Each structure stands twice: as structure tokens, then as C-alpha cells.
Protein backbone atom coordinates (compact mmCIF):
# COMPACT_ATOMS: atom_id res chain seq x y z
CA MET A 1 2.25 14.25 -15.80
CA PHE A 2 4.84 16.87 -16.85
CA GLY A 3 7.79 17.02 -14.45
CA ARG A 4 6.60 14.17 -12.22
CA SER A 5 7.67 10.56 -12.20
CA LEU A 6 5.16 7.84 -12.98
CA CYS A 7 5.47 6.70 -9.37
CA ASP A 8 4.52 10.19 -8.15
CA GLU A 9 1.60 10.30 -10.58
CA VAL A 10 0.24 6.89 -9.52
CA LEU A 11 0.72 7.75 -5.83
CA SER A 12 -1.24 10.98 -6.36
CA ILE A 13 -4.03 9.05 -8.11
CA ILE A 14 -4.24 6.51 -5.28
CA LYS A 15 -4.44 9.30 -2.70
CA ARG A 16 -7.44 10.76 -4.59
CA TRP A 17 -9.22 7.39 -4.72
CA THR A 18 -12.00 6.74 -2.24
CA PRO A 19 -13.54 3.26 -2.22
CA LYS A 20 -17.21 3.38 -3.23
CA LYS A 21 -18.17 1.17 -0.31
CA LYS A 22 -16.79 -1.02 2.46
CA TYR A 23 -16.02 -4.32 0.75
CA THR A 24 -15.76 -7.72 2.39
CA ARG A 25 -12.92 -8.97 0.15
CA GLU A 26 -9.55 -7.50 -0.75
CA THR A 27 -10.04 -8.33 -4.43
CA GLU A 28 -13.08 -6.06 -4.60
CA TYR A 29 -10.99 -3.10 -3.42
CA SER A 30 -8.25 -4.10 -5.82
CA ASP A 31 -10.59 -4.31 -8.83
CA GLU A 32 -12.03 -0.87 -8.09
CA LEU A 33 -8.60 0.71 -7.53
CA ALA A 34 -7.13 -0.77 -10.73
CA GLU A 35 -10.01 0.64 -12.77
CA PHE A 36 -9.65 4.05 -11.08
CA ILE A 37 -5.91 4.19 -11.84
CA ARG A 38 -6.48 3.13 -15.46
CA LYS A 39 -9.12 5.85 -15.94
CA LYS A 40 -7.06 8.62 -14.29
CA LEU A 41 -3.88 7.77 -16.20
CA LYS A 42 -5.80 8.02 -19.49
CA GLU A 43 -7.31 11.35 -18.41
CA SER A 44 -3.87 12.73 -17.54
CA GLN A 45 -2.69 12.08 -21.11
CA GLN A 46 -5.55 13.86 -22.87
CA GLY A 47 -4.22 17.40 -22.47
CA ILE A 48 -0.71 16.75 -23.85
CA LEU A 49 0.31 19.64 -26.14
CA PHE A 50 3.87 18.67 -26.99
CA GLY A 51 5.15 15.24 -27.92
CA TYR A 52 3.18 12.06 -27.81
CA PRO A 53 0.93 10.96 -24.97
CA GLU A 54 2.31 8.04 -23.02
CA GLU A 55 0.43 4.78 -23.12
CA HIS A 56 0.25 3.00 -19.77
CA TYR A 57 -1.09 -0.38 -18.87
CA VAL A 58 -2.62 -1.32 -15.56
CA LYS A 59 -2.66 -5.03 -14.85
CA ARG A 60 -4.31 -6.98 -12.01
CA GLU A 61 -2.38 -9.75 -10.22
CA GLY A 62 0.57 -10.50 -12.41
CA GLY A 63 1.33 -13.87 -10.79
CA ARG A 64 2.86 -15.32 -7.64
CA SER A 65 5.80 -12.94 -7.38
CA ARG A 66 3.77 -9.98 -8.59
CA ALA A 67 1.80 -7.31 -6.75
CA ASP A 68 -2.01 -7.07 -6.71
CA ILE A 69 -1.85 -4.30 -9.32
CA GLU A 70 1.04 -3.24 -11.52
CA VAL A 71 1.49 -0.23 -13.73
CA ASP A 72 3.76 -0.56 -16.77
CA GLY A 73 5.55 -3.45 -15.05
CA ARG A 74 7.53 -0.84 -13.04
CA ILE A 75 5.16 0.02 -10.20
CA GLY A 76 3.73 -2.61 -7.86
CA ILE A 77 0.67 -1.87 -5.74
CA GLU A 78 0.00 -4.23 -2.85
CA LEU A 79 -3.42 -3.84 -1.26
CA LYS A 80 -4.21 -5.10 2.23
CA ARG A 81 -7.64 -5.18 3.85
CA ASN A 82 -7.89 -5.05 7.66
CA LEU A 83 -4.17 -5.44 8.31
CA LYS A 84 -4.08 -6.17 12.03
CA GLY A 85 -1.83 -8.93 13.28
CA LYS A 86 1.84 -9.80 13.35
CA THR A 87 1.33 -12.75 10.99
CA GLU A 88 -0.28 -10.51 8.36
CA MET A 89 2.48 -7.93 8.81
CA ASN A 90 5.20 -10.55 8.36
CA ARG A 91 3.48 -11.89 5.24
CA LEU A 92 3.32 -8.36 3.79
CA MET A 93 7.03 -7.80 4.49
CA GLY A 94 7.78 -11.11 2.75
CA GLN A 95 5.73 -10.08 -0.26
CA LEU A 96 7.54 -6.74 -0.47
CA SER A 97 10.89 -8.56 -0.37
CA ASP A 98 9.73 -10.68 -3.31
CA TYR A 99 8.84 -7.50 -5.24
CA GLU A 100 12.22 -5.78 -4.75
CA ASP A 101 13.69 -7.07 -8.00
CA GLU A 102 10.47 -6.58 -9.97
CA TYR A 103 9.51 -2.94 -9.29
CA LYS A 104 11.18 0.44 -8.96
CA CYS A 105 8.29 1.70 -6.87
CA ILE A 106 6.04 -0.24 -4.48
CA ILE A 107 2.90 1.28 -3.01
CA VAL A 108 1.14 -0.39 -0.09
CA VAL A 109 -2.56 0.52 0.16
CA LEU A 110 -4.24 -0.28 3.47
CA CYS A 111 -8.05 -0.52 3.36
CA GLY A 112 -10.65 -1.26 6.00
CA GLU A 113 -9.79 -1.26 9.67
CA VAL A 114 -6.16 -0.60 10.53
CA ARG A 115 -4.78 0.10 13.99
CA GLU A 116 -2.48 3.06 14.47
CA GLU A 117 0.11 0.81 16.17
CA THR A 118 0.12 -1.46 13.12
CA VAL A 119 0.74 1.47 10.77
CA ASP A 120 3.53 2.79 13.02
CA GLU A 121 5.19 -0.63 13.12
CA LEU A 122 4.88 -1.02 9.34
CA LYS A 123 6.39 2.43 8.75
CA TYR A 124 9.27 1.59 11.08
CA LYS A 125 9.97 -1.73 9.36
CA LEU A 126 9.79 -0.20 5.90
CA LYS A 127 12.05 2.70 6.85
CA LYS A 128 14.53 0.28 8.39
CA LYS A 129 14.53 -1.92 5.29
CA TYR A 130 14.13 0.57 2.43
CA GLY A 131 14.99 3.95 3.96
CA THR A 132 18.67 3.90 3.08
CA VAL A 133 20.62 3.38 -0.10
CA SER A 134 23.33 0.77 0.15
CA ILE A 135 26.65 0.89 -1.66
CA SER A 136 28.25 -2.23 -3.08
CA ASP A 137 31.91 -3.25 -2.79
CA PHE A 138 32.55 -1.92 -6.30
CA GLY A 139 31.37 1.59 -5.49
CA PHE A 140 28.10 1.41 -7.40
CA VAL A 141 24.97 2.64 -5.69
CA LEU A 142 22.38 -0.12 -5.44
CA GLN A 143 18.98 1.49 -5.65
CA LYS A 144 16.35 -0.07 -3.46
CA PRO A 145 12.75 0.36 -4.58
CA ARG A 146 10.81 3.33 -3.34
CA VAL A 147 8.09 2.13 -0.94
CA GLU A 148 5.06 4.25 0.04
CA ILE A 149 2.02 3.62 2.27
CA VAL A 150 -1.49 4.96 1.62
CA ILE A 151 -4.31 4.41 4.12
CA LYS A 152 -7.89 4.25 2.83
CA GLY A 153 -11.29 3.65 4.37
CA LYS A 154 -13.80 5.43 6.56
CA SER A 155 -11.92 4.62 9.72
CA GLN A 156 -8.51 5.57 8.37
CA LEU A 157 -6.81 4.79 11.66
CA ARG A 158 -8.35 2.88 14.52
CA ARG A 159 -6.79 3.39 17.88
CA LYS A 160 -6.82 0.54 20.32
CA ARG A 161 -9.57 1.24 22.84
CA LYS A 162 -8.32 2.28 26.22
CA ALA A 163 -9.79 0.22 29.01
CA THR A 164 -12.30 2.19 31.02
CA LYS A 165 -13.13 1.51 34.64
CA LYS A 166 -16.23 -0.38 33.52
CA THR A 167 -14.33 -2.66 31.10
CA LYS A 168 -11.61 -3.24 33.71
CA LYS A 169 -14.21 -4.39 36.24
CA THR A 170 -15.84 -6.67 33.65
CA THR A 171 -12.45 -8.18 32.80
CA GLN A 172 -11.66 -8.75 36.47
CA LYS A 173 -15.01 -10.51 37.03
CA GLN A 174 -14.37 -12.76 34.01
CA ARG A 175 -10.95 -13.73 35.37
CA ARG A 176 -12.40 -14.60 38.77
CA ARG A 177 -14.97 -16.91 37.16
CA ARG A 178 -12.23 -18.98 35.53
């Protein structure tokens, strides 16, 4: 981990993780990811030549105002399975707001089916909220947490199907029947 922050290291580990299968529950993804991070952080400390290896702890669900996974109490990892709708997006944004005071780095991991439009909207909202550093009245820089998004799953991005002539005709027939 020489020269890299813990956030960079954990982000790199998450990017290397591939779920073993398509799970039906978010907690199953979360359990697998937490174990993978724990294993890889230990492996990264084995080749330390100078100084002492760092001990890290990986904890699952730290409570109501805590992320699904946390590393050393400084990094929060929020995992979402099949993030699709506006309600789910708003809930995620609310959770991230709750985590602002708890973590220096927040990583959102999207698993399962995720629409490209949803990812674009999430990126926009996160950039709008966390993309700038604000300055207080006293001249101190208030550091907002670093927020990253990682997309996982076989269908990493699902595009909304474009209506073909056949589906348009079917839709028109259904409307006429009503």
C-alpha cells in the first residue's frame, strides 16, 4: 500500500472483486465483498519490508447511521443491488448524507441490474453534492468526503430498450383495448 491512501487501496480492491454469482439479496453481495476486502488487505501487508504492517479491520453493518461495510471506521462502503427507481436513488442520497460526518471516503458499489440513465443521474447528483470543496466564513477549508462509484455484475450497465416497430404496435393495440 506504499504511497497510496487507504481509500485508494480499498477502491482498487473493490474494482478487482467479481461476485461469485448473481445473488438475490443485497446482504449476500455485502458478505462476500467484506470477506474479499478483508483477505486482500491482509495480503497487501505481507510483503512489508520497512516499518510495521498496518492492521485493518473490516466490519459489516455498523448500525443505523453506518454503511453496509466499513474499513477502519474511516471508509464507508454502501452496496446497492438493482438500483433502478427514483425512490431508491433518493434513499441512497439520504444514506450518503448521513455518512458525511462518519467517513472520509464513501464508496458506492452497484450490483445486479443497473440502468445507464440511473448511473448518469447518480454521478450528476454526487458531483453536484460532493464535487466541490466549500470554504467556511472563518477561512478554513471544510473537506467533504470523497465519494466513488463502482459498478459490478454481469450486466454492468443495462440500457433502456428502445421501442421497436413491433413493440410500438403491441403497445398501441393494448391502448386501444382499454
